[in-house]
């Protein structure tokens, strides 16, 4: 009997150690990701995506936004038409230059474009990534700065992956914008974490120790990051885009958000056999057509 109890105790200790190690690693990957450098992202844009084009010749205005807590965000404005502006939010671990492909799309459509580094990313000071909680409030302050710069403009938002979640979460603050393009975002962060756990052959229940560790180390609960809740009373026209081959964020998340979104001015475009954040790369012309038609239908 004593031997049996010792074996059970050893198994419990091994499980606890494993759970702690996994929780440490996964919470860090959420809240302190491996950040891509400008050099990496620019090279990817030029050599893999072929989206850089004539960007170096475009007029550019660097800007800074001092936020409510004194933190400073950095970005660039590419002026074109002062009456049409779009703010582009990048994904987890990336930086403002991830948005170059979408900058090109909106520039073709006549828009002034704003790209910026999300909190903790790019050339901003180090900071915990909260997967959309803080970042959505930051976006509202970027929006206010852009409105001061272009007081008569029609303004829209575009977000990719975590930038999409950030953009959708910002809708709960009722931003004064005319449209949203939501590309391959998560509506429920817990579902994304469970999908990652499934990918490494771990039970979805491991999310709970991961979340506990995340709260302990980084001060926020991943279970509170639910952009989908911001859509219950949303009336702003929104265009969801998602690749059906996305193995990181299941495209069903965009379907759920589309279904729950209150407003009737909504679209869902599923791009066949396309990986995470690759819908533009899959077919840039089709991506632009989708957005152009969405804007036309909504009189924007």
Protein backbone atom coordinates (compact mmCIF):
# COMPACT_ATOMS: atom_id res chain seq x y z
CA UNK A 1 0.00 0.00 0.00
CA UNK A 2 2.81 2.40 0.88
CA UNK A 3 4.54 1.70 -2.44
CA UNK A 4 1.33 2.44 -4.30
CA UNK A 5 0.91 5.77 -2.50
CA UNK A 6 4.51 6.72 -3.25
CA UNK A 7 3.99 5.96 -6.93
CA UNK A 8 0.81 8.06 -7.00
CA UNK A 9 2.55 10.90 -5.20
CA UNK A 10 5.45 10.78 -7.66
CA UNK A 11 3.05 10.87 -10.60
CA UNK A 12 1.27 13.87 -9.12
CA UNK A 13 4.57 15.68 -8.59
CA UNK A 14 5.67 14.90 -12.17
CA UNK A 15 2.35 16.17 -13.52
CA UNK A 16 2.54 19.36 -11.48
CA UNK A 17 6.11 20.05 -12.61
CA UNK A 18 5.12 19.42 -16.22
CA UNK A 19 2.03 21.65 -15.89
CA UNK A 20 4.11 24.45 -14.40
CA UNK A 21 6.78 24.24 -17.11
CA UNK A 22 4.18 24.16 -19.89
CA UNK A 23 2.29 27.04 -18.30
CA UNK A 24 5.45 29.11 -18.00
CA UNK A 25 6.34 28.57 -21.64
CA UNK A 26 2.87 29.12 -23.07
CA UNK A 27 2.04 32.17 -20.97
CA UNK A 28 5.36 33.70 -22.05
CA UNK A 29 4.59 32.98 -25.71
CA UNK A 30 1.29 34.84 -25.29
CA UNK A 31 2.45 37.83 -23.31
CA UNK A 32 6.13 38.20 -24.24
CA UNK A 33 6.31 36.85 -27.81
CA UNK A 34 9.40 36.65 -29.96
CA UNK A 35 9.25 40.01 -31.71
CA UNK A 36 10.14 40.29 -35.37
CA UNK A 37 12.53 43.08 -36.31
CA UNK A 38 11.84 45.78 -38.88
CA UNK A 39 14.63 44.30 -40.99
CA UNK A 40 13.01 40.87 -41.03
CA UNK A 41 9.55 42.20 -41.86
CA UNK A 42 10.80 44.54 -44.58
CA UNK A 43 12.80 41.73 -46.19
CA UNK A 44 9.73 39.48 -46.08
CA UNK A 45 7.65 42.21 -47.69
CA UNK A 46 10.17 42.69 -50.48
CA UNK A 47 11.26 39.13 -51.20
CA UNK A 48 8.33 36.88 -50.20
CA UNK A 49 5.18 38.97 -50.41
CA UNK A 50 6.41 41.36 -53.12
CA UNK A 51 4.26 44.01 -51.49
CA UNK A 52 6.85 46.71 -50.86
CA UNK A 53 6.66 48.14 -54.37
CA UNK A 54 7.33 51.89 -54.51
CA UNK A 55 6.79 52.42 -50.79
CA UNK A 56 10.13 54.20 -50.39
CA UNK A 57 8.95 56.92 -52.77
CA UNK A 58 5.67 57.61 -50.93
CA UNK A 59 5.30 60.70 -48.79
CA UNK A 60 5.52 59.66 -45.14
CA UNK A 61 4.84 61.39 -41.83
CA UNK A 62 6.22 59.69 -38.69
CA UNK A 63 4.00 60.22 -35.65
CA UNK A 64 3.89 59.50 -31.93
CA UNK A 65 0.88 59.07 -29.66
CA UNK A 66 1.31 59.51 -25.91
CA UNK A 67 -1.24 57.24 -24.27
CA UNK A 68 -3.29 57.54 -21.08
CA UNK A 69 -0.54 55.93 -18.97
CA UNK A 70 2.32 57.89 -20.54
CA UNK A 71 3.35 55.07 -22.86
CA UNK A 72 4.28 56.22 -26.37
CA UNK A 73 3.28 54.48 -29.61
CA UNK A 74 5.13 55.09 -32.87
CA UNK A 75 3.86 54.86 -36.40
CA UNK A 76 3.73 56.38 -39.87
CA UNK A 77 1.10 58.15 -41.92
CA UNK A 78 1.20 57.82 -45.71
CA UNK A 79 -0.89 60.78 -46.89
CA UNK A 80 -2.97 60.53 -50.05
CA UNK A 81 -6.58 61.65 -49.75
CA UNK A 82 -7.20 63.53 -46.45
CA UNK A 83 -10.90 62.65 -46.65
CA UNK A 84 -10.36 58.86 -46.60
CA UNK A 85 -8.15 57.25 -43.96
CA UNK A 86 -7.60 53.69 -42.73
CA UNK A 87 -5.71 52.60 -39.60
CA UNK A 88 -3.96 49.22 -39.93
CA UNK A 89 -3.20 47.08 -36.85
CA UNK A 90 -0.66 44.25 -37.14
CA UNK A 91 -0.48 40.83 -35.53
CA UNK A 92 1.14 39.21 -32.50
CA UNK A 93 4.93 39.61 -32.46
CA UNK A 94 4.96 41.58 -35.70
CA UNK A 95 5.34 45.31 -36.36
CA UNK A 96 3.92 48.12 -38.45
CA UNK A 97 5.57 46.92 -41.66
CA UNK A 98 3.38 43.80 -41.60
CA UNK A 99 0.69 46.20 -42.78
CA UNK A 100 2.50 47.22 -45.98
CA UNK A 101 0.49 44.80 -48.12
CA UNK A 102 -2.78 46.28 -46.84
CA UNK A 103 -1.36 49.78 -47.15
CA UNK A 104 -0.87 49.06 -50.85
CA UNK A 105 -4.42 47.75 -51.19
CA UNK A 106 -6.00 50.79 -49.57
CA UNK A 107 -3.67 53.16 -51.41
CA UNK A 108 -4.99 51.71 -54.67
CA UNK A 109 -8.44 52.57 -53.36
CA UNK A 110 -7.41 56.16 -52.68
CA UNK A 111 -6.89 56.01 -48.92
CA UNK A 112 -4.42 57.75 -46.66
CA UNK A 113 -3.00 54.90 -44.57
CA UNK A 114 -1.78 54.75 -40.99
CA UNK A 115 0.48 51.95 -39.78
CA UNK A 116 1.79 51.75 -36.22
CA UNK A 117 3.55 49.46 -33.78
CA UNK A 118 1.24 48.00 -31.16
CA UNK A 119 2.23 48.29 -27.51
CA UNK A 120 5.47 46.42 -26.82
CA UNK A 121 6.13 45.80 -30.51
CA UNK A 122 8.45 47.27 -33.12
CA UNK A 123 10.36 50.32 -31.90
CA UNK A 124 8.08 50.89 -28.93
CA UNK A 125 9.35 50.35 -25.39
CA UNK A 126 9.05 46.78 -24.01
CA UNK A 127 5.66 46.02 -22.51
CA UNK A 128 3.46 43.03 -21.76
CA UNK A 129 1.27 41.99 -24.69
CA UNK A 130 -2.33 41.57 -23.50
CA UNK A 131 -3.71 40.08 -26.73
CA UNK A 132 -6.13 42.95 -27.31
CA UNK A 133 -7.14 44.16 -23.84
CA UNK A 134 -4.79 47.15 -23.52
CA UNK A 135 -4.21 47.29 -27.25
CA UNK A 136 -7.87 48.00 -28.07
CA UNK A 137 -7.84 51.03 -25.77
CA UNK A 138 -4.57 52.13 -27.37
CA UNK A 139 -6.19 51.90 -30.79
CA UNK A 140 -8.94 54.25 -29.65
CA UNK A 141 -6.28 56.81 -28.72
CA UNK A 142 -4.54 56.34 -32.07
CA UNK A 143 -7.93 56.92 -33.69
CA UNK A 144 -8.40 60.17 -31.77
CA UNK A 145 -4.95 61.37 -32.87
CA UNK A 146 -5.77 60.53 -36.49
CA UNK A 147 -9.09 62.39 -36.22
CA UNK A 148 -7.24 65.47 -35.01
CA UNK A 149 -4.88 65.19 -37.98
CA UNK A 150 -7.71 64.57 -40.48
CA UNK A 151 -10.82 66.14 -38.89
CA UNK A 152 -13.06 65.73 -41.95
CA UNK A 153 -12.03 62.23 -42.94
CA UNK A 154 -14.03 59.07 -43.28
CA UNK A 155 -11.98 56.66 -41.16
CA UNK A 156 -11.88 52.87 -41.25
CA UNK A 157 -10.00 50.16 -39.37
CA UNK A 158 -8.17 47.10 -40.65
CA UNK A 159 -6.74 44.44 -38.36
CA UNK A 160 -4.80 41.24 -38.95
CA UNK A 161 -4.75 38.32 -36.49
CA UNK A 162 -4.19 39.86 -33.02
CA UNK A 163 -4.59 43.23 -34.73
CA UNK A 164 -8.00 42.00 -35.86
CA UNK A 165 -8.89 40.99 -32.29
CA UNK A 166 -7.66 44.39 -31.10
CA UNK A 167 -9.80 46.15 -33.71
CA UNK A 168 -12.91 44.12 -32.93
CA UNK A 169 -12.46 44.65 -29.17
CA UNK A 170 -12.24 48.40 -29.82
CA UNK A 171 -15.83 48.29 -31.11
CA UNK A 172 -17.09 48.10 -27.52
CA UNK A 173 -15.90 51.71 -27.13
CA UNK A 174 -18.17 52.78 -30.01
CA UNK A 175 -15.46 54.31 -32.20
CA UNK A 176 -16.38 56.97 -34.74
CA UNK A 177 -15.39 54.91 -37.79
CA UNK A 178 -17.27 53.97 -40.95
CA UNK A 179 -16.01 50.43 -41.53
CA UNK A 180 -13.90 47.57 -40.21
CA UNK A 181 -11.98 44.86 -42.07
CA UNK A 182 -11.36 41.93 -39.72
CA UNK A 183 -8.75 39.54 -41.16
CA UNK A 184 -8.19 36.11 -39.53
CA UNK A 185 -8.80 37.17 -35.94
CA UNK A 186 -9.92 35.25 -32.88
CA UNK A 187 -13.21 35.97 -31.21
CA UNK A 188 -12.38 33.92 -28.12
CA UNK A 189 -8.73 33.73 -27.05
CA UNK A 190 -9.34 30.59 -25.00
CA UNK A 191 -10.36 28.74 -28.17
CA UNK A 192 -7.11 29.81 -29.83
CA UNK A 193 -5.11 28.58 -26.82
CA UNK A 194 -6.96 25.28 -26.86
CA UNK A 195 -6.19 24.92 -30.56
CA UNK A 196 -2.48 25.51 -29.86
CA UNK A 197 -2.59 22.91 -27.07
CA UNK A 198 -4.24 20.45 -29.44
CA UNK A 199 -1.44 21.08 -31.94
CA UNK A 200 1.16 20.02 -29.35
CA UNK A 201 -0.99 17.05 -28.31
CA UNK A 202 -2.07 18.44 -24.96
CA UNK A 203 -5.60 18.34 -23.50
CA UNK A 204 -7.55 21.57 -23.77
CA UNK A 205 -7.94 21.57 -19.98
CA UNK A 206 -4.30 22.64 -19.76
CA UNK A 207 -5.57 26.11 -20.66
CA UNK A 208 -6.55 26.65 -17.03
CA UNK A 209 -3.07 26.32 -15.49
CA UNK A 210 -1.71 28.35 -18.42
CA UNK A 211 -4.23 31.09 -17.73
CA UNK A 212 -3.49 30.98 -14.00
CA UNK A 213 0.21 31.40 -14.74
CA UNK A 214 -0.53 34.21 -17.16
CA UNK A 215 -2.53 36.06 -14.52
CA UNK A 216 0.19 35.50 -11.93
CA UNK A 217 3.09 36.64 -14.14
CA UNK A 218 1.52 39.19 -16.48
CA UNK A 219 -1.50 40.50 -14.65
CA UNK A 220 -4.37 39.67 -17.00
CA UNK A 221 -6.66 36.75 -17.69
CA UNK A 222 -6.64 35.23 -21.17
CA UNK A 223 -10.20 34.06 -20.53
CA UNK A 224 -11.28 37.74 -20.52
CA UNK A 225 -10.03 38.32 -24.06
CA UNK A 226 -13.25 37.79 -25.99
CA UNK A 227 -13.51 40.21 -28.92
CA UNK A 228 -16.71 38.45 -29.96
CA UNK A 229 -18.53 40.12 -27.05
CA UNK A 230 -17.97 43.52 -28.68
CA UNK A 231 -20.11 42.51 -31.65
CA UNK A 232 -23.37 41.91 -29.79
CA UNK A 233 -24.51 45.49 -30.39
CA UNK A 234 -22.17 46.52 -33.20
CA UNK A 235 -23.70 48.50 -36.06
CA UNK A 236 -20.50 49.45 -37.89
CA UNK A 237 -20.15 47.68 -41.28
CA UNK A 238 -17.64 44.86 -40.90
CA UNK A 239 -15.96 42.58 -43.42
CA UNK A 240 -14.54 39.32 -42.08
CA UNK A 241 -11.83 37.57 -44.10
CA UNK A 242 -10.31 34.22 -43.13
CA UNK A 243 -8.42 31.40 -44.79
CA UNK A 244 -9.94 27.95 -44.44
CA UNK A 245 -6.45 26.44 -44.15
CA UNK A 246 -5.63 28.48 -41.05
CA UNK A 247 -4.12 26.05 -38.53
CA UNK A 248 -3.47 28.68 -35.85
CA UNK A 249 -6.80 30.48 -35.61
CA UNK A 250 -9.65 28.28 -36.77
CA UNK A 251 -11.70 30.04 -39.46
CA UNK A 252 -14.81 29.06 -37.50
CA UNK A 253 -13.89 31.90 -35.12
CA UNK A 254 -14.66 34.39 -37.90
CA UNK A 255 -17.89 32.51 -38.62
CA UNK A 256 -18.92 32.83 -34.96
CA UNK A 257 -18.15 36.55 -34.97
CA UNK A 258 -20.05 37.04 -38.21
CA UNK A 259 -23.09 35.21 -36.84
CA UNK A 260 -23.11 37.11 -33.54
CA UNK A 261 -22.53 40.56 -35.05
CA UNK A 262 -25.73 42.53 -34.61
CA UNK A 263 -25.53 44.76 -37.65
CA UNK A 264 -26.84 43.65 -41.02
CA UNK A 265 -24.01 45.37 -42.91
CA UNK A 266 -21.59 42.49 -42.58
CA UNK A 267 -19.76 40.13 -44.89
CA UNK A 268 -17.79 36.91 -44.45
CA UNK A 269 -15.22 35.81 -47.02
CA UNK A 270 -13.57 32.43 -46.54
CA UNK A 271 -10.48 32.02 -48.71
CA UNK A 272 -10.08 28.33 -49.67
CA UNK A 273 -6.99 26.42 -48.52
CA UNK A 274 -5.24 29.55 -47.27
CA UNK A 275 -2.98 29.58 -44.21
CA UNK A 276 -2.99 32.02 -41.31
CA UNK A 277 -2.63 35.67 -42.33
CA UNK A 278 -2.09 34.72 -45.97
CA UNK A 279 -5.34 35.79 -47.64
CA UNK A 280 -3.73 38.84 -49.25
CA UNK A 281 -0.72 36.77 -50.33
CA UNK A 282 -3.02 34.14 -51.80
CA UNK A 283 -4.53 36.62 -54.26
CA UNK A 284 -3.84 40.35 -53.78
CA UNK A 285 -6.20 41.37 -56.58
CA UNK A 286 -9.08 39.34 -55.15
CA UNK A 287 -8.38 40.74 -51.68
CA UNK A 288 -8.59 44.27 -53.05
CA UNK A 289 -11.75 43.43 -54.98
CA UNK A 290 -13.41 42.11 -51.80
CA UNK A 291 -12.63 45.29 -49.88
CA UNK A 292 -13.53 47.62 -52.77
CA UNK A 293 -16.89 45.91 -53.24
CA UNK A 294 -17.55 45.93 -49.48
CA UNK A 295 -16.91 49.67 -49.36
CA UNK A 296 -19.03 50.29 -52.45
CA UNK A 297 -21.98 48.35 -51.06
CA UNK A 298 -21.86 50.42 -47.88
CA UNK A 299 -21.55 53.72 -49.72
CA UNK A 300 -18.08 54.44 -48.35
